[in-house]
Amino acid sequence: MVGLFKAVGGIIVALAIVLAVSMLFIGGIGGFVAGLIAALAYAFCGAVIFTFGLMLEHLEAIRRNSTRQSEMLTELLRRTPKTGPSHREAMENNLDQLAKSNFRFKEI
């Protein structure tokens, strides 16, 4: 699905460029200026579709790595140095909550 969005967006941008160049050859400068607005609109739409595909790809990567990142965060919280008594108590409470709740990023 992601590849489809990226491919369609790229094709639309390519067609917009071909449209602008063909309008230059067909109608000269007057035709180019008239077709330029349509070509820019098509190019913008293609760029939006392509960007949507990139966003979906990024979200899939986040979802795929969320379990590993949750485990890394839990390890990082367990390895933090203990400094003062008030900070230590707060950290222990956070670790207890984290251990009891089976915390995962994808649940957020």
N, C-alpha and C. Protein backbone atom coordinates (compact mmCIF):
# COMPACT_ATOMS: atom_id res chain seq x y z
N MET A 1 0.83 -1.19 0.00
CA MET A 1 0.00 0.00 0.00
C MET A 1 0.88 1.26 0.00
N VAL A 2 1.93 1.22 0.82
CA VAL A 2 2.84 2.37 0.90
C VAL A 2 3.52 2.58 -0.45
N GLY A 3 3.99 1.51 -1.03
CA GLY A 3 4.64 1.61 -2.34
C GLY A 3 3.70 2.12 -3.41
N LEU A 4 2.44 1.75 -3.30
CA LEU A 4 1.44 2.22 -4.27
C LEU A 4 1.26 3.73 -4.18
N PHE A 5 1.15 4.26 -2.96
CA PHE A 5 1.02 5.71 -2.80
C PHE A 5 2.25 6.43 -3.33
N LYS A 6 3.43 5.91 -3.02
CA LYS A 6 4.64 6.55 -3.50
C LYS A 6 4.76 6.48 -5.01
N ALA A 7 4.38 5.37 -5.61
CA ALA A 7 4.46 5.22 -7.06
C ALA A 7 3.45 6.13 -7.75
N VAL A 8 2.23 6.17 -7.27
CA VAL A 8 1.21 7.02 -7.88
C VAL A 8 1.59 8.49 -7.75
N GLY A 9 2.09 8.89 -6.60
CA GLY A 9 2.52 10.28 -6.42
C GLY A 9 3.65 10.64 -7.37
N GLY A 10 4.61 9.74 -7.53
CA GLY A 10 5.72 9.99 -8.45
C GLY A 10 5.26 10.07 -9.89
N ILE A 11 4.32 9.21 -10.27
CA ILE A 11 3.79 9.24 -11.64
C ILE A 11 3.05 10.53 -11.91
N ILE A 12 2.27 11.00 -10.95
CA ILE A 12 1.52 12.25 -11.14
C ILE A 12 2.47 13.43 -11.27
N VAL A 13 3.53 13.46 -10.47
CA VAL A 13 4.51 14.54 -10.58
C VAL A 13 5.21 14.48 -11.94
N ALA A 14 5.55 13.28 -12.40
CA ALA A 14 6.20 13.13 -13.71
C ALA A 14 5.27 13.58 -14.83
N LEU A 15 3.99 13.22 -14.72
CA LEU A 15 3.03 13.66 -15.74
C LEU A 15 2.86 15.18 -15.74
N ALA A 16 2.93 15.80 -14.56
CA ALA A 16 2.83 17.26 -14.49
C ALA A 16 4.03 17.91 -15.19
N ILE A 17 5.20 17.33 -15.03
CA ILE A 17 6.38 17.88 -15.71
C ILE A 17 6.26 17.70 -17.22
N VAL A 18 5.79 16.52 -17.64
CA VAL A 18 5.60 16.27 -19.08
C VAL A 18 4.55 17.23 -19.64
N LEU A 19 3.48 17.48 -18.87
CA LEU A 19 2.44 18.42 -19.31
C LEU A 19 3.00 19.83 -19.50
N ALA A 20 3.81 20.29 -18.56
CA ALA A 20 4.39 21.62 -18.67
C ALA A 20 5.33 21.73 -19.88
N VAL A 21 6.15 20.71 -20.10
CA VAL A 21 7.08 20.74 -21.24
C VAL A 21 6.32 20.66 -22.55
N SER A 22 5.30 19.80 -22.61
CA SER A 22 4.53 19.69 -23.86
C SER A 22 3.76 20.96 -24.16
N MET A 23 3.27 21.65 -23.14
CA MET A 23 2.58 22.92 -23.38
C MET A 23 3.54 23.97 -23.91
N LEU A 24 4.79 23.90 -23.52
CA LEU A 24 5.79 24.83 -24.03
C LEU A 24 6.01 24.60 -25.52
N PHE A 25 6.09 23.33 -25.95
CA PHE A 25 6.31 23.03 -27.37
C PHE A 25 5.06 23.26 -28.20
N ILE A 26 3.89 22.95 -27.65
CA ILE A 26 2.66 23.08 -28.42
C ILE A 26 2.24 24.53 -28.57
N GLY A 27 2.21 25.27 -27.47
CA GLY A 27 1.66 26.62 -27.53
C GLY A 27 2.65 27.73 -27.34
N GLY A 28 3.91 27.46 -27.32
CA GLY A 28 4.90 28.50 -27.10
C GLY A 28 4.83 29.00 -25.66
N ILE A 29 5.30 30.23 -25.47
CA ILE A 29 5.33 30.80 -24.12
C ILE A 29 3.91 31.05 -23.60
N GLY A 30 3.00 31.48 -24.45
CA GLY A 30 1.61 31.72 -24.03
C GLY A 30 0.95 30.44 -23.55
N GLY A 31 1.17 29.35 -24.28
CA GLY A 31 0.62 28.06 -23.87
C GLY A 31 1.27 27.54 -22.61
N PHE A 32 2.56 27.82 -22.47
CA PHE A 32 3.27 27.37 -21.27
C PHE A 32 2.74 28.05 -20.02
N VAL A 33 2.52 29.37 -20.12
CA VAL A 33 2.01 30.11 -18.97
C VAL A 33 0.61 29.63 -18.61
N ALA A 34 -0.22 29.37 -19.62
CA ALA A 34 -1.57 28.89 -19.35
C ALA A 34 -1.56 27.49 -18.74
N GLY A 35 -0.70 26.63 -19.25
CA GLY A 35 -0.64 25.26 -18.73
C GLY A 35 0.16 25.12 -17.45
N LEU A 36 0.92 26.15 -17.11
CA LEU A 36 1.75 26.08 -15.93
C LEU A 36 0.92 25.96 -14.65
N ILE A 37 -0.20 26.64 -14.59
CA ILE A 37 -1.05 26.58 -13.40
C ILE A 37 -1.58 25.16 -13.21
N ALA A 38 -2.05 24.54 -14.27
CA ALA A 38 -2.55 23.17 -14.18
C ALA A 38 -1.42 22.21 -13.83
N ALA A 39 -0.25 22.41 -14.42
CA ALA A 39 0.88 21.54 -14.13
C ALA A 39 1.33 21.66 -12.68
N LEU A 40 1.33 22.88 -12.15
CA LEU A 40 1.70 23.06 -10.74
C LEU A 40 0.67 22.43 -9.81
N ALA A 41 -0.60 22.52 -10.17
CA ALA A 41 -1.64 21.89 -9.34
C ALA A 41 -1.47 20.37 -9.34
N TYR A 42 -1.21 19.78 -10.51
CA TYR A 42 -0.98 18.33 -10.57
C TYR A 42 0.28 17.93 -9.79
N ALA A 43 1.33 18.73 -9.92
CA ALA A 43 2.57 18.42 -9.21
C ALA A 43 2.36 18.50 -7.70
N PHE A 44 1.59 19.47 -7.26
CA PHE A 44 1.31 19.59 -5.82
C PHE A 44 0.51 18.38 -5.33
N CYS A 45 -0.51 17.99 -6.09
CA CYS A 45 -1.30 16.81 -5.70
C CYS A 45 -0.44 15.55 -5.67
N GLY A 46 0.43 15.39 -6.64
CA GLY A 46 1.33 14.24 -6.65
C GLY A 46 2.28 14.25 -5.47
N ALA A 47 2.77 15.44 -5.12
CA ALA A 47 3.67 15.55 -3.97
C ALA A 47 2.95 15.22 -2.67
N VAL A 48 1.69 15.61 -2.56
CA VAL A 48 0.91 15.30 -1.36
C VAL A 48 0.70 13.79 -1.25
N ILE A 49 0.37 13.14 -2.36
CA ILE A 49 0.17 11.69 -2.35
C ILE A 49 1.46 10.97 -1.99
N PHE A 50 2.57 11.41 -2.57
CA PHE A 50 3.87 10.81 -2.28
C PHE A 50 4.23 10.99 -0.80
N THR A 51 3.98 12.18 -0.27
CA THR A 51 4.27 12.46 1.14
C THR A 51 3.41 11.61 2.06
N PHE A 52 2.14 11.39 1.68
CA PHE A 52 1.27 10.52 2.47
C PHE A 52 1.84 9.10 2.51
N GLY A 53 2.36 8.63 1.40
CA GLY A 53 2.99 7.31 1.37
C GLY A 53 4.21 7.25 2.28
N LEU A 54 5.03 8.31 2.29
CA LEU A 54 6.19 8.35 3.18
C LEU A 54 5.76 8.36 4.65
N MET A 55 4.67 9.08 4.95
CA MET A 55 4.17 9.12 6.32
C MET A 55 3.71 7.73 6.77
N LEU A 56 3.00 7.02 5.89
CA LEU A 56 2.57 5.66 6.23
C LEU A 56 3.76 4.73 6.44
N GLU A 57 4.79 4.90 5.63
CA GLU A 57 5.99 4.09 5.79
C GLU A 57 6.65 4.35 7.14
N HIS A 58 6.69 5.62 7.55
CA HIS A 58 7.27 5.99 8.83
C HIS A 58 6.44 5.40 9.99
N LEU A 59 5.12 5.46 9.89
CA LEU A 59 4.27 4.91 10.94
C LEU A 59 4.41 3.39 11.04
N GLU A 60 4.57 2.72 9.91
CA GLU A 60 4.80 1.27 9.95
C GLU A 60 6.12 0.95 10.64
N ALA A 61 7.15 1.75 10.40
CA ALA A 61 8.45 1.53 11.05
C ALA A 61 8.34 1.74 12.55
N ILE A 62 7.58 2.74 12.97
CA ILE A 62 7.38 2.98 14.40
C ILE A 62 6.65 1.80 15.03
N ARG A 63 5.60 1.32 14.38
CA ARG A 63 4.82 0.21 14.92
C ARG A 63 5.67 -1.06 14.99
N ARG A 64 6.50 -1.28 13.98
CA ARG A 64 7.33 -2.47 13.92
C ARG A 64 8.38 -2.48 15.04
N ASN A 65 8.90 -1.31 15.42
CA ASN A 65 9.97 -1.23 16.41
C ASN A 65 9.49 -0.85 17.80
N SER A 66 8.18 -0.74 18.01
CA SER A 66 7.68 -0.24 19.30
C SER A 66 7.98 -1.20 20.45
N THR A 67 7.90 -2.49 20.24
CA THR A 67 8.16 -3.45 21.31
C THR A 67 9.62 -3.37 21.76
N ARG A 68 10.52 -3.32 20.80
CA ARG A 68 11.95 -3.23 21.13
C ARG A 68 12.26 -1.91 21.85
N GLN A 69 11.63 -0.82 21.43
CA GLN A 69 11.86 0.46 22.08
C GLN A 69 11.30 0.47 23.50
N SER A 70 10.18 -0.20 23.72
CA SER A 70 9.62 -0.30 25.07
C SER A 70 10.57 -1.06 25.98
N GLU A 71 11.14 -2.14 25.48
CA GLU A 71 12.08 -2.91 26.29
C GLU A 71 13.35 -2.10 26.57
N MET A 72 13.80 -1.33 25.60
CA MET A 72 14.99 -0.50 25.81
C MET A 72 14.71 0.58 26.85
N LEU A 73 13.52 1.17 26.82
CA LEU A 73 13.16 2.18 27.80
C LEU A 73 13.10 1.59 29.20
N THR A 74 12.54 0.41 29.32
CA THR A 74 12.48 -0.25 30.62
C THR A 74 13.88 -0.53 31.15
N GLU A 75 14.78 -1.02 30.31
CA GLU A 75 16.17 -1.27 30.72
C GLU A 75 16.85 0.03 31.13
N LEU A 76 16.62 1.09 30.38
CA LEU A 76 17.23 2.38 30.69
C LEU A 76 16.76 2.89 32.04
N LEU A 77 15.48 2.74 32.33
CA LEU A 77 14.96 3.20 33.62
C LEU A 77 15.51 2.36 34.76
N ARG A 78 15.77 1.10 34.54
CA ARG A 78 16.32 0.25 35.60
C ARG A 78 17.79 0.55 35.85
N ARG A 79 18.51 1.03 34.86
CA ARG A 79 19.95 1.28 35.00
C ARG A 79 20.27 2.68 35.51
N THR A 80 19.29 3.54 35.71
CA THR A 80 19.59 4.92 36.12
C THR A 80 20.25 4.93 37.49
N PRO A 81 21.25 5.79 37.68
CA PRO A 81 21.95 5.84 38.97
C PRO A 81 21.04 6.44 40.04
N LYS A 82 21.19 5.96 41.23
CA LYS A 82 20.39 6.45 42.35
C LYS A 82 21.17 7.58 43.02
N THR A 83 20.57 8.77 43.06
CA THR A 83 21.28 9.93 43.60
C THR A 83 20.82 10.26 45.01
N GLY A 84 19.68 10.84 45.16
CA GLY A 84 19.21 11.25 46.48
C GLY A 84 18.03 10.41 46.93
N PRO A 85 17.69 10.49 48.23
CA PRO A 85 16.59 9.66 48.73
C PRO A 85 15.25 10.03 48.11
N SER A 86 14.98 11.30 47.91
CA SER A 86 13.68 11.68 47.34
C SER A 86 13.61 11.27 45.87
N HIS A 87 14.70 11.43 45.16
CA HIS A 87 14.73 11.03 43.75
C HIS A 87 14.66 9.50 43.64
N ARG A 88 15.31 8.81 44.56
CA ARG A 88 15.31 7.35 44.54
C ARG A 88 13.89 6.82 44.76
N GLU A 89 13.16 7.39 45.70
CA GLU A 89 11.80 6.93 45.97
C GLU A 89 10.90 7.17 44.76
N ALA A 90 11.04 8.32 44.14
CA ALA A 90 10.23 8.61 42.96
C ALA A 90 10.55 7.66 41.83
N MET A 91 11.84 7.34 41.67
CA MET A 91 12.25 6.42 40.61
C MET A 91 11.74 5.02 40.89
N GLU A 92 11.77 4.59 42.14
CA GLU A 92 11.27 3.26 42.48
C GLU A 92 9.78 3.17 42.22
N ASN A 93 9.05 4.22 42.53
CA ASN A 93 7.61 4.22 42.24
C ASN A 93 7.36 4.11 40.75
N ASN A 94 8.14 4.84 39.95
CA ASN A 94 7.99 4.77 38.50
C ASN A 94 8.32 3.38 37.97
N LEU A 95 9.38 2.78 38.51
CA LEU A 95 9.75 1.43 38.07
C LEU A 95 8.69 0.42 38.48
N ASP A 96 8.13 0.57 39.67
CA ASP A 96 7.08 -0.36 40.10
C ASP A 96 5.86 -0.24 39.19
N GLN A 97 5.47 0.99 38.87
CA GLN A 97 4.33 1.19 37.98
C GLN A 97 4.63 0.61 36.60
N LEU A 98 5.84 0.81 36.14
CA LEU A 98 6.21 0.31 34.81
C LEU A 98 6.23 -1.21 34.79
N ALA A 99 6.73 -1.82 35.84
CA ALA A 99 6.79 -3.28 35.89
C ALA A 99 5.40 -3.90 36.03
N LYS A 100 4.51 -3.25 36.77
CA LYS A 100 3.18 -3.80 36.99
C LYS A 100 2.27 -3.63 35.78
N SER A 101 2.43 -2.55 35.03
CA SER A 101 1.46 -2.24 33.97
C SER A 101 1.76 -2.90 32.64
N ASN A 102 2.91 -3.57 32.49
CA ASN A 102 3.30 -4.19 31.22
C ASN A 102 3.25 -3.14 30.11
N PHE A 103 3.98 -2.06 30.32
CA PHE A 103 3.97 -0.88 29.46
C PHE A 103 4.46 -1.19 28.05
N ARG A 104 3.72 -0.76 27.03
CA ARG A 104 4.12 -0.87 25.62
C ARG A 104 3.78 0.43 24.91
N PHE A 105 4.65 0.84 23.98
CA PHE A 105 4.42 2.07 23.25
C PHE A 105 3.16 2.02 22.40
N LYS A 106 2.87 0.88 21.81
CA LYS A 106 1.74 0.84 20.89
C LYS A 106 0.41 0.96 21.62
N GLU A 107 0.39 0.85 22.94
CA GLU A 107 -0.84 1.04 23.68
C GLU A 107 -1.15 2.52 23.86
N ILE A 108 -0.17 3.37 23.68
CA ILE A 108 -0.37 4.81 23.88
C ILE A 108 -1.10 5.40 22.70
